[in-house]
Amino acid sequence: MTEQPKNSYSLSLFFTNICFTFTVRFYKKRQRLMNQEETISLFDKVIKGDKNAFRILFERYSRRMFHLAYYYLQSKETSEEAVLDVFTIMWNKRETLSHVKEPERYLYTSVKNQALHYLRRGYAQKQESLSLYEIEILPENDTPEINY
């Protein structure tokens, strides 16, 4: 009986790992292409005025767009507003969007630009600051009691 060298097992494992990695990458790329085609189809339907396609597009991308807006704005409320503004503008101007070839890139770029617009205008800071109507003011003679 001939003993196989230890390296052949390692080499076999190495090639198996490479094949598995290649298969996973191929599958993910194929899945991403299918998702892009579906997104393009949904976007085309939105341009034609399909409200159901608009709802699906919103459900699919609003969460990721929110996280992108939050990265810039650091405010939950302002980030939500930025995402809603992008979708509102997109719906109102849907007839002019036929030139968009990559809807996903368009959505992310739009929300990033909206977030930067909010920062330039100071909307994020305005919502984070407290107003006198939100602060409970205690009378001068009313001090909190400290229990020891």
Protein backbone atom coordinates (compact mmCIF):
# COMPACT_ATOMS: atom_id res chain seq x y z
CA MET A 1 0.00 0.00 0.00
CA THR A 2 1.27 3.35 -0.96
CA GLU A 3 0.77 6.18 1.44
CA GLN A 4 -0.47 9.37 -0.03
CA PRO A 5 1.49 12.43 0.87
CA LYS A 6 -0.05 14.74 3.44
CA ASN A 7 0.05 17.55 0.92
CA SER A 8 -2.40 15.87 -1.47
CA TYR A 9 -5.15 16.02 1.16
CA SER A 10 -4.39 19.69 1.77
CA LEU A 11 -4.31 20.35 -1.95
CA SER A 12 -7.64 18.57 -2.44
CA LEU A 13 -9.19 20.55 0.39
CA PHE A 14 -7.77 23.74 -1.06
CA PHE A 15 -9.31 23.08 -4.50
CA THR A 16 -12.62 22.07 -2.94
CA ASN A 17 -12.66 25.34 -1.02
CA ILE A 18 -11.88 27.31 -4.20
CA CYS A 19 -14.66 25.56 -6.13
CA PHE A 20 -17.12 26.19 -3.30
CA THR A 21 -16.13 29.86 -3.11
CA PHE A 22 -16.45 30.23 -6.87
CA THR A 23 -19.90 28.59 -6.81
CA VAL A 24 -21.11 30.83 -3.99
CA ARG A 25 -19.81 33.95 -5.73
CA PHE A 26 -21.39 32.89 -9.01
CA TYR A 27 -24.73 32.24 -7.29
CA LYS A 28 -24.65 35.60 -5.47
CA LYS A 29 -23.77 37.44 -8.68
CA ARG A 30 -26.58 35.67 -10.54
CA GLN A 31 -29.00 36.51 -7.72
CA ARG A 32 -27.88 40.15 -7.76
CA LEU A 33 -28.42 40.33 -11.54
CA MET A 34 -31.90 38.83 -11.14
CA ASN A 35 -32.70 41.39 -8.45
CA GLN A 36 -31.41 44.21 -10.67
CA GLU A 37 -33.60 43.04 -13.54
CA GLU A 38 -36.61 42.85 -11.22
CA THR A 39 -35.85 46.33 -9.85
CA ILE A 40 -35.57 47.74 -13.37
CA SER A 41 -38.92 46.13 -14.22
CA LEU A 42 -40.52 47.61 -11.08
CA PHE A 43 -39.03 51.02 -11.83
CA ASP A 44 -40.44 50.91 -15.37
CA LYS A 45 -43.87 50.09 -13.95
CA VAL A 46 -43.60 53.00 -11.50
CA ILE A 47 -42.80 55.33 -14.40
CA LYS A 48 -46.04 54.15 -16.02
CA GLY A 49 -47.95 54.91 -12.81
CA ASP A 50 -48.30 51.46 -11.20
CA LYS A 51 -48.99 52.10 -7.49
CA ASN A 52 -48.42 48.47 -6.51
CA ALA A 53 -44.94 48.48 -8.08
CA PHE A 54 -44.23 51.73 -6.22
CA ARG A 55 -45.26 50.09 -2.93
CA ILE A 56 -43.02 47.08 -3.59
CA LEU A 57 -40.09 49.35 -4.50
CA PHE A 58 -40.66 51.34 -1.29
CA GLU A 59 -40.82 48.20 0.85
CA ARG A 60 -37.67 46.80 -0.76
CA TYR A 61 -35.45 49.90 -0.52
CA SER A 62 -36.79 52.21 2.21
CA ARG A 63 -34.96 50.48 5.07
CA ARG A 64 -31.57 50.53 3.32
CA MET A 65 -32.12 54.12 2.23
CA PHE A 66 -33.01 55.04 5.81
CA HIS A 67 -29.69 53.62 7.04
CA LEU A 68 -27.81 55.60 4.42
CA ALA A 69 -29.62 58.81 5.38
CA TYR A 70 -29.04 58.11 9.06
CA TYR A 71 -25.30 57.75 8.39
CA TYR A 72 -25.26 61.40 7.29
CA LEU A 73 -27.97 62.93 9.48
CA GLN A 74 -27.68 61.00 12.77
CA SER A 75 -31.38 61.64 13.36
CA LYS A 76 -34.13 59.05 13.06
CA GLU A 77 -36.91 61.53 12.27
CA THR A 78 -34.92 63.52 9.73
CA SER A 79 -33.69 60.33 8.05
CA GLU A 80 -37.26 59.07 7.70
CA GLU A 81 -38.28 62.41 6.22
CA ALA A 82 -35.41 62.29 3.73
CA VAL A 83 -36.47 58.84 2.52
CA LEU A 84 -40.12 59.87 2.26
CA ASP A 85 -39.14 63.02 0.37
CA VAL A 86 -37.15 60.99 -2.16
CA PHE A 87 -40.06 58.63 -2.79
CA THR A 88 -42.55 61.50 -2.95
CA ILE A 89 -40.42 63.40 -5.46
CA MET A 90 -39.88 60.20 -7.44
CA TRP A 91 -43.63 59.55 -7.64
CA ASN A 92 -44.46 63.15 -8.57
CA LYS A 93 -41.81 63.26 -11.30
CA ARG A 94 -42.07 59.64 -12.44
CA GLU A 95 -42.69 60.55 -16.11
CA THR A 96 -39.29 62.24 -16.30
CA LEU A 97 -37.36 59.22 -14.96
CA SER A 98 -37.34 57.13 -18.14
CA HIS A 99 -33.64 57.96 -18.66
CA VAL A 100 -32.62 56.18 -15.43
CA LYS A 101 -30.76 52.97 -16.31
CA GLU A 102 -29.78 51.91 -12.76
CA PRO A 103 -32.73 52.49 -10.40
CA GLU A 104 -30.92 51.23 -7.30
CA ARG A 105 -28.07 53.66 -7.81
CA TYR A 106 -30.60 56.42 -8.52
CA LEU A 107 -32.42 55.77 -5.23
CA TYR A 108 -29.27 55.69 -3.10
CA THR A 109 -27.81 58.76 -4.77
CA SER A 110 -31.10 60.61 -4.33
CA VAL A 111 -31.34 59.86 -0.61
CA LYS A 112 -27.68 60.78 -0.09
CA ASN A 113 -28.23 64.10 -1.88
CA GLN A 114 -31.41 64.71 0.14
CA ALA A 115 -29.53 64.04 3.39
CA LEU A 116 -26.74 66.41 2.36
CA HIS A 117 -29.37 69.00 1.42
CA TYR A 118 -30.88 68.65 4.91
CA LEU A 119 -27.45 69.10 6.47
CA ARG A 120 -26.74 72.24 4.43
CA ARG A 121 -30.11 73.71 5.40
CA GLY A 122 -29.64 72.78 9.04
CA TYR A 123 -32.76 70.61 9.27
CA ALA A 124 -31.00 67.90 11.25
CA GLN A 125 -29.82 70.35 13.93
CA LYS A 126 -33.20 72.07 14.17
CA GLN A 127 -35.01 68.82 14.95
CA GLU A 128 -32.46 67.69 17.52
CA SER A 129 -32.55 70.90 19.56
CA LEU A 130 -35.10 71.24 22.32
CA SER A 131 -37.64 74.00 22.32
CA LEU A 132 -39.12 75.67 25.39
CA TYR A 133 -42.38 73.83 24.73
CA GLU A 134 -40.64 70.45 25.10
CA ILE A 135 -38.80 71.29 28.35
CA GLU A 136 -40.63 70.95 31.62
CA ILE A 137 -39.72 73.95 33.76
CA LEU A 138 -39.89 73.57 37.52
CA PRO A 139 -40.88 76.52 39.72
CA GLU A 140 -38.03 78.07 41.70
CA ASN A 141 -39.27 76.79 45.07
CA ASP A 142 -39.86 73.27 43.82
CA THR A 143 -36.64 71.31 44.16
CA PRO A 144 -36.33 67.58 43.80
CA GLU A 145 -36.09 65.67 47.04
CA ILE A 146 -33.10 63.48 47.65
CA ASN A 147 -33.74 60.33 49.64
CA TYR A 148 -30.78 58.97 51.55
